[in-house]
Amino acid sequence: MKEARFVSQNKEKWGKMENVNHLDTDTLASNYVILSDDLSYAKTFYPGSDVVKYLNQLISVYQINIYGQERSEKKGILSFWVREFPLLLYRERRTLLFAFLFFLFAALIGIFSTAKDDTFVRLILGDAYVDKTLENIENGTPMGIYSSSNEVDMFFMITANNIKVAFVAFVFGIFFSAGTLWILFSNGVMLGAFQYFFFQHGLLLHSVMSVWAHGTFEITSIIIAGGAGLVMGNSFLFPGTYKRSYSFRNGALRGIKIVTGLIPFFIIAGWIESFITRYADTYPVVGAVAIILSLGGVIGYFVVYPYYLHKTETNGKD
């Protein structure tokens, strides 16, 4: 292969690899292996050429950054949530935004369908849940279902279930992203139907004060887990200039890290739902305070902090 053709085939790929400041350790290592292979090929067929010098310089940058991240990781597991996880959220921000908008679209379908068909909410939530909730409404405790179990037992059950839903949303991304989209769609429709059901009974504000006390972290985390599934599925569907196997492996690793990073937030949501939401009927202000604090945490950590961290580490340059 002529040198010009070799450069032409790989120029775009190398260009994407030049910005190493916000890459995680796994991506740095994977890119380093690819660049090493390209450098070996260039040294064999184009010794002393400009492309050899260019790849040598680029690999040197990777060596410095890999060494720096290895030293940083020795500081403890906390560094994952302080730096790597937020930067990963920023990197995948477009996919996560799409997951949010798709979930919102599904919720609107749930609202519209419930408004047009009184039986739709039973199809989605189940007769047992609807009948129990109607009974609680008649008894003056619309959110009574949240106080029907022991706090500790409820905490472990809810937290485990939410983590399971998150991993299912992620793993289903292996089905060319379609599986993840279905999980996001079904959960969005369920949420929309649930909220409109309470609206029909004049309890929308009451349900918002109760459900979103824990739901702010819970729903946000499920959407982000769905985004992680899309990251994995899309990495296979759209490998770009990379080999499909490499792109998929890289996307799967990023997705796993995103889902793993969500675990503390599912624990927080489970704790709020088990120990605080049960008092929503008696003390609505408690739910309101929890929502304000949770919303501040979600916007601050999942939106503002990743943006700030990225701009700080890259000096405002992408």
Protein backbone atom coordinates (compact mmCIF):
# COMPACT_ATOMS: atom_id res chain seq x y z
CA MET A 1 0.00 0.00 0.00
CA LYS A 2 1.32 3.44 -0.88
CA GLU A 3 1.96 5.84 1.99
CA ALA A 4 -0.57 8.38 0.72
CA ARG A 5 -3.31 5.75 0.69
CA PHE A 6 -2.34 4.54 4.18
CA VAL A 7 -2.58 8.09 5.51
CA SER A 8 -5.85 8.73 3.68
CA GLN A 9 -7.47 5.61 5.16
CA ASN A 10 -6.46 6.44 8.74
CA LYS A 11 -6.33 10.25 8.85
CA GLU A 12 -9.85 10.70 10.21
CA LYS A 13 -9.34 7.99 12.85
CA TRP A 14 -6.07 9.53 14.04
CA GLY A 15 -7.68 12.96 14.14
CA LYS A 16 -10.34 11.70 16.54
CA MET A 17 -7.63 10.19 18.73
CA GLU A 18 -5.64 13.41 19.06
CA ASN A 19 -7.78 14.86 21.87
CA VAL A 20 -6.94 12.65 24.85
CA ASN A 21 -7.82 14.99 27.71
CA HIS A 22 -11.29 13.63 28.52
CA LEU A 23 -10.82 9.96 27.58
CA ASP A 24 -11.18 7.24 30.20
CA THR A 25 -8.46 4.69 30.90
CA ASP A 26 -9.98 1.91 28.80
CA THR A 27 -10.32 4.15 25.74
CA LEU A 28 -6.78 5.43 26.18
CA ALA A 29 -5.47 1.87 26.33
CA SER A 30 -7.52 0.72 23.32
CA ASN A 31 -6.45 3.69 21.21
CA TYR A 32 -2.86 3.15 22.27
CA VAL A 33 -2.94 -0.45 20.97
CA ILE A 34 -4.39 0.68 17.64
CA LEU A 35 -1.81 3.44 17.24
CA SER A 36 0.99 1.01 18.12
CA ASP A 37 -0.17 -1.34 15.35
CA ASP A 38 -0.34 1.53 12.87
CA LEU A 39 3.13 2.73 13.91
CA SER A 40 4.61 -0.74 13.49
CA TYR A 41 3.14 -0.93 9.98
CA ALA A 42 4.43 2.54 9.11
CA LYS A 43 7.92 1.75 10.42
CA THR A 44 8.02 -1.40 8.31
CA PHE A 45 6.90 0.10 5.01
CA TYR A 46 7.63 3.85 5.37
CA PRO A 47 10.70 4.13 7.65
CA GLY A 48 11.74 7.68 8.43
CA SER A 49 8.59 9.18 6.90
CA ASP A 50 6.47 12.01 8.31
CA VAL A 51 3.71 9.60 9.23
CA VAL A 52 6.13 7.66 11.45
CA LYS A 53 7.13 10.88 13.23
CA TYR A 54 3.48 11.88 13.63
CA LEU A 55 2.46 8.52 15.12
CA ASN A 56 5.47 8.55 17.44
CA GLN A 57 4.44 11.95 18.79
CA LEU A 58 0.80 10.90 19.21
CA ILE A 59 1.76 7.71 21.04
CA SER A 60 3.98 9.73 23.37
CA VAL A 61 0.97 11.83 24.34
CA TYR A 62 -0.98 8.65 25.10
CA GLN A 63 1.85 7.25 27.22
CA ILE A 64 1.91 10.40 29.34
CA ASN A 65 -1.87 10.40 29.81
CA ILE A 66 -2.09 6.67 30.59
CA TYR A 67 0.60 7.03 33.22
CA GLY A 68 -1.13 10.08 34.66
CA GLN A 69 -4.51 8.32 34.92
CA GLU A 70 -2.92 5.25 36.52
CA ARG A 71 -1.47 7.49 39.21
CA SER A 72 -4.81 9.26 39.64
CA GLU A 73 -6.72 5.98 40.02
CA LYS A 74 -4.52 4.98 42.94
CA LYS A 75 -6.11 7.79 44.94
CA GLY A 76 -9.20 5.62 45.46
CA ILE A 77 -12.52 4.54 44.06
CA LEU A 78 -14.03 7.93 44.90
CA SER A 79 -12.11 9.41 41.95
CA PHE A 80 -14.41 7.46 39.62
CA TRP A 81 -17.43 9.51 40.71
CA VAL A 82 -15.42 12.72 41.06
CA ARG A 83 -13.85 12.67 37.59
CA GLU A 84 -14.25 9.69 35.28
CA PHE A 85 -18.01 9.17 35.54
CA PRO A 86 -18.96 12.87 35.07
CA LEU A 87 -16.61 13.16 32.09
CA LEU A 88 -18.16 10.05 30.58
CA LEU A 89 -21.62 11.59 31.00
CA TYR A 90 -20.42 14.69 29.19
CA ARG A 91 -18.88 12.66 26.39
CA GLU A 92 -22.16 10.79 25.81
CA ARG A 93 -24.37 13.84 26.41
CA ARG A 94 -26.06 13.71 23.00
CA THR A 95 -27.05 10.07 23.40
CA LEU A 96 -28.29 10.72 26.94
CA LEU A 97 -30.31 13.71 25.73
CA PHE A 98 -31.90 11.54 23.05
CA ALA A 99 -32.79 8.94 25.70
CA PHE A 100 -34.43 11.67 27.81
CA LEU A 101 -36.45 13.07 24.89
CA PHE A 102 -37.53 9.59 23.80
CA PHE A 103 -38.65 8.78 27.36
CA LEU A 104 -40.57 12.06 27.51
CA PHE A 105 -42.25 11.26 24.20
CA ALA A 106 -43.32 7.87 25.58
CA ALA A 107 -44.69 9.52 28.74
CA LEU A 108 -46.79 11.85 26.58
CA ILE A 109 -48.18 8.81 24.76
CA GLY A 110 -49.09 7.33 28.13
CA ILE A 111 -50.89 10.54 29.11
CA PHE A 112 -52.76 10.81 25.82
CA SER A 113 -53.79 7.14 25.82
CA THR A 114 -55.07 7.28 29.40
CA ALA A 115 -57.03 10.43 28.62
CA LYS A 116 -58.70 8.76 25.63
CA ASP A 117 -59.29 5.30 27.12
CA ASP A 118 -60.25 4.70 30.78
CA THR A 119 -59.16 1.08 30.56
CA PHE A 120 -55.64 1.91 29.38
CA VAL A 121 -54.29 2.58 32.86
CA ARG A 122 -55.40 -0.88 33.99
CA LEU A 123 -53.66 -2.43 30.99
CA ILE A 124 -50.43 -0.69 31.91
CA LEU A 125 -50.44 -0.68 35.73
CA GLY A 126 -52.54 -3.79 36.34
CA ASP A 127 -55.97 -4.24 37.94
CA ALA A 128 -54.55 -5.06 41.39
CA TYR A 129 -52.54 -1.85 41.60
CA VAL A 130 -55.34 0.37 40.29
CA ASP A 131 -57.96 -1.17 42.59
CA LYS A 132 -55.68 -0.84 45.62
CA THR A 133 -54.91 2.79 44.79
CA LEU A 134 -58.61 3.60 44.32
CA GLU A 135 -59.27 2.07 47.73
CA ASN A 136 -56.49 4.19 49.26
CA ILE A 137 -57.93 7.32 47.64
CA GLU A 138 -61.32 6.60 49.21
CA ASN A 139 -59.61 6.14 52.58
CA GLY A 140 -57.82 9.50 52.26
CA THR A 141 -54.36 7.99 51.80
CA PRO A 142 -53.67 8.05 48.03
CA MET A 143 -50.01 7.13 48.55
CA GLY A 144 -50.79 4.46 51.11
CA ILE A 145 -49.18 1.81 48.92
CA TYR A 146 -45.78 3.23 49.89
CA SER A 147 -46.39 2.51 53.58
CA SER A 148 -47.67 -1.02 53.13
CA SER A 149 -44.31 -2.66 53.91
CA ASN A 150 -41.54 -2.45 56.49
CA GLU A 151 -39.07 0.36 55.69
CA VAL A 152 -35.93 -1.79 55.63
CA ASP A 153 -37.50 -4.63 53.62
CA MET A 154 -38.95 -2.10 51.19
CA PHE A 155 -35.57 -0.37 50.81
CA PHE A 156 -33.73 -3.53 49.78
CA MET A 157 -36.55 -4.70 47.50
CA ILE A 158 -36.95 -1.36 45.71
CA THR A 159 -33.22 -0.70 45.35
CA ALA A 160 -32.56 -4.17 43.96
CA ASN A 161 -35.46 -3.86 41.53
CA ASN A 162 -34.36 -0.44 40.28
CA ILE A 163 -30.81 -1.64 39.72
CA LYS A 164 -32.19 -4.66 37.87
CA VAL A 165 -34.31 -2.43 35.61
CA ALA A 166 -31.25 -0.28 34.89
CA PHE A 167 -29.09 -3.24 33.90
CA VAL A 168 -31.89 -4.68 31.75
CA ALA A 169 -32.24 -1.30 30.00
CA PHE A 170 -28.49 -1.36 29.37
CA VAL A 171 -28.10 -5.01 28.36
CA PHE A 172 -31.01 -4.83 25.93
CA GLY A 173 -28.94 -2.35 23.97
CA ILE A 174 -27.13 -5.37 22.55
CA PHE A 175 -30.19 -5.89 20.32
CA PHE A 176 -29.08 -3.06 18.02
CA SER A 177 -30.37 -0.46 20.54
CA ALA A 178 -33.98 -1.54 19.84
CA GLY A 179 -34.25 -3.44 23.14
CA THR A 180 -33.20 -0.40 25.14
CA LEU A 181 -35.64 1.81 23.26
CA TRP A 182 -38.44 -0.60 24.17
CA ILE A 183 -37.52 -0.46 27.88
CA LEU A 184 -37.44 3.34 27.79
CA PHE A 185 -40.73 3.42 25.90
CA SER A 186 -42.58 1.03 28.22
CA ASN A 187 -41.38 2.81 31.36
CA GLY A 188 -42.22 6.21 29.88
CA VAL A 189 -45.75 5.11 28.96
CA MET A 190 -46.19 3.67 32.45
CA LEU A 191 -45.12 6.94 34.08
CA GLY A 192 -47.42 8.99 31.86
CA ALA A 193 -50.39 6.73 32.54
CA PHE A 194 -49.66 6.76 36.29
CA GLN A 195 -49.53 10.55 36.52
CA TYR A 196 -52.64 11.11 34.42
CA PHE A 197 -54.52 8.57 36.51
CA PHE A 198 -53.99 10.77 39.58
CA PHE A 199 -54.83 13.87 37.54
CA GLN A 200 -58.21 12.33 36.70
CA HIS A 201 -58.89 12.03 40.44
CA GLY A 202 -57.80 15.60 41.23
CA LEU A 203 -54.59 14.42 42.92
CA LEU A 204 -51.90 15.36 40.41
CA LEU A 205 -50.07 17.80 42.69
CA HIS A 206 -50.36 15.38 45.59
CA SER A 207 -48.90 12.54 43.53
CA VAL A 208 -46.09 14.75 42.21
CA MET A 209 -45.13 15.79 45.74
CA SER A 210 -45.06 12.14 46.75
CA VAL A 211 -43.73 10.20 43.79
CA TRP A 212 -41.10 12.64 42.56
CA ALA A 213 -39.51 12.83 46.00
CA HIS A 214 -37.78 9.57 45.09
CA GLY A 215 -38.61 9.58 41.39
CA THR A 216 -36.29 12.47 40.55
CA PHE A 217 -33.21 10.31 41.13
CA GLU A 218 -34.91 7.06 40.14
CA ILE A 219 -36.34 8.13 36.77
CA THR A 220 -33.23 10.13 35.88
CA SER A 221 -31.03 7.10 36.59
CA ILE A 222 -33.23 4.77 34.53
CA ILE A 223 -33.08 7.18 31.59
CA ILE A 224 -29.30 7.41 31.86
CA ALA A 225 -29.07 3.61 32.06
CA GLY A 226 -31.11 3.50 28.87
CA GLY A 227 -28.67 5.97 27.38
CA ALA A 228 -25.86 3.58 28.33
CA GLY A 229 -27.64 0.82 26.40
CA LEU A 230 -27.87 3.10 23.37
CA VAL A 231 -24.16 3.89 23.68
CA MET A 232 -23.41 0.16 23.44
CA GLY A 233 -25.92 -0.58 20.66
CA ASN A 234 -24.95 2.43 18.57
CA SER A 235 -21.26 1.59 18.85
CA PHE A 236 -22.03 -1.58 16.90
CA LEU A 237 -24.42 0.02 14.44
CA PHE A 238 -22.25 3.05 13.74
CA PRO A 239 -18.55 2.13 14.20
CA GLY A 240 -17.35 5.08 12.14
CA THR A 241 -13.73 4.65 11.07
CA TYR A 242 -13.07 1.97 13.70
CA LYS A 243 -13.40 -1.77 13.28
CA ARG A 244 -16.89 -2.84 14.33
CA SER A 245 -15.57 -5.25 16.97
CA TYR A 246 -13.35 -2.57 18.51
CA SER A 247 -16.12 0.03 18.43
CA PHE A 248 -18.59 -2.36 20.08
CA ARG A 249 -16.14 -3.39 22.79
CA ASN A 250 -15.34 0.23 23.54
CA GLY A 251 -19.02 1.21 23.61
CA ALA A 252 -19.90 -1.71 25.89
CA LEU A 253 -17.17 -0.70 28.36
CA ARG A 254 -18.41 2.88 28.43
CA GLY A 255 -21.97 1.69 28.94
CA ILE A 256 -20.99 -0.60 31.81
CA LYS A 257 -19.20 2.26 33.52
CA ILE A 258 -22.23 4.52 33.17
CA VAL A 259 -24.59 1.94 34.69
CA THR A 260 -22.13 1.17 37.49
CA GLY A 261 -21.85 4.87 38.27
CA LEU A 262 -25.62 5.05 38.79
CA ILE A 263 -25.74 2.52 41.65
CA PRO A 264 -25.32 5.12 44.48
CA PHE A 265 -28.20 7.13 43.05
CA PHE A 266 -30.49 4.10 42.98
CA ILE A 267 -29.60 3.55 46.62
CA ILE A 268 -30.51 7.16 47.42
CA ALA A 269 -33.80 6.84 45.51
CA GLY A 270 -34.61 3.57 47.29
CA TRP A 271 -33.93 5.13 50.68
CA ILE A 272 -36.15 8.14 49.96
CA GLU A 273 -38.97 5.94 48.65
CA SER A 274 -38.82 3.60 51.65
CA PHE A 275 -38.29 6.05 54.50
CA ILE A 276 -39.70 9.39 53.28
CA THR A 277 -42.39 8.88 50.60
CA ARG A 278 -44.58 6.97 53.09
CA TYR A 279 -45.15 10.25 54.94
CA ALA A 280 -46.23 12.16 51.84
CA ASP A 281 -49.95 11.88 52.62
CA THR A 282 -49.53 13.39 56.07
CA TYR A 283 -46.68 15.82 55.42
CA PRO A 284 -46.66 16.96 51.76
CA VAL A 285 -43.98 19.53 52.56
CA VAL A 286 -41.54 16.69 53.20
CA GLY A 287 -41.99 15.52 49.61
CA ALA A 288 -41.56 19.07 48.33
CA VAL A 289 -38.26 19.50 50.16
CA ALA A 290 -37.03 16.11 48.92
CA ILE A 291 -37.92 17.07 45.34
CA ILE A 292 -36.08 20.39 45.54
CA LEU A 293 -32.96 18.76 46.99
CA SER A 294 -33.09 15.84 44.53
CA LEU A 295 -33.64 18.11 41.53
CA GLY A 296 -30.70 20.25 42.61
CA GLY A 297 -28.58 17.12 42.92
CA VAL A 298 -29.62 15.79 39.50
CA ILE A 299 -29.04 19.06 37.65
CA GLY A 300 -25.85 19.80 39.55
CA TYR A 301 -24.17 16.42 39.24
CA PHE A 302 -25.52 15.06 35.95
CA VAL A 303 -25.59 18.30 33.94
CA VAL A 304 -23.64 21.23 35.39
CA TYR A 305 -20.70 19.41 36.97
CA PRO A 306 -19.78 17.29 33.88
CA TYR A 307 -19.85 20.44 31.73
CA TYR A 308 -17.73 22.36 34.25
CA LEU A 309 -15.26 19.50 34.65
CA HIS A 310 -14.87 19.07 30.89
CA LYS A 311 -14.28 22.79 30.33
CA THR A 312 -11.82 22.90 33.21
CA GLU A 313 -9.76 19.93 31.99
CA THR A 314 -9.76 20.94 28.33
CA ASN A 315 -9.39 24.69 28.92
CA GLY A 316 -12.58 25.27 26.97
CA LYS A 317 -11.43 23.29 23.93
CA ASP A 318 -13.13 20.15 22.59
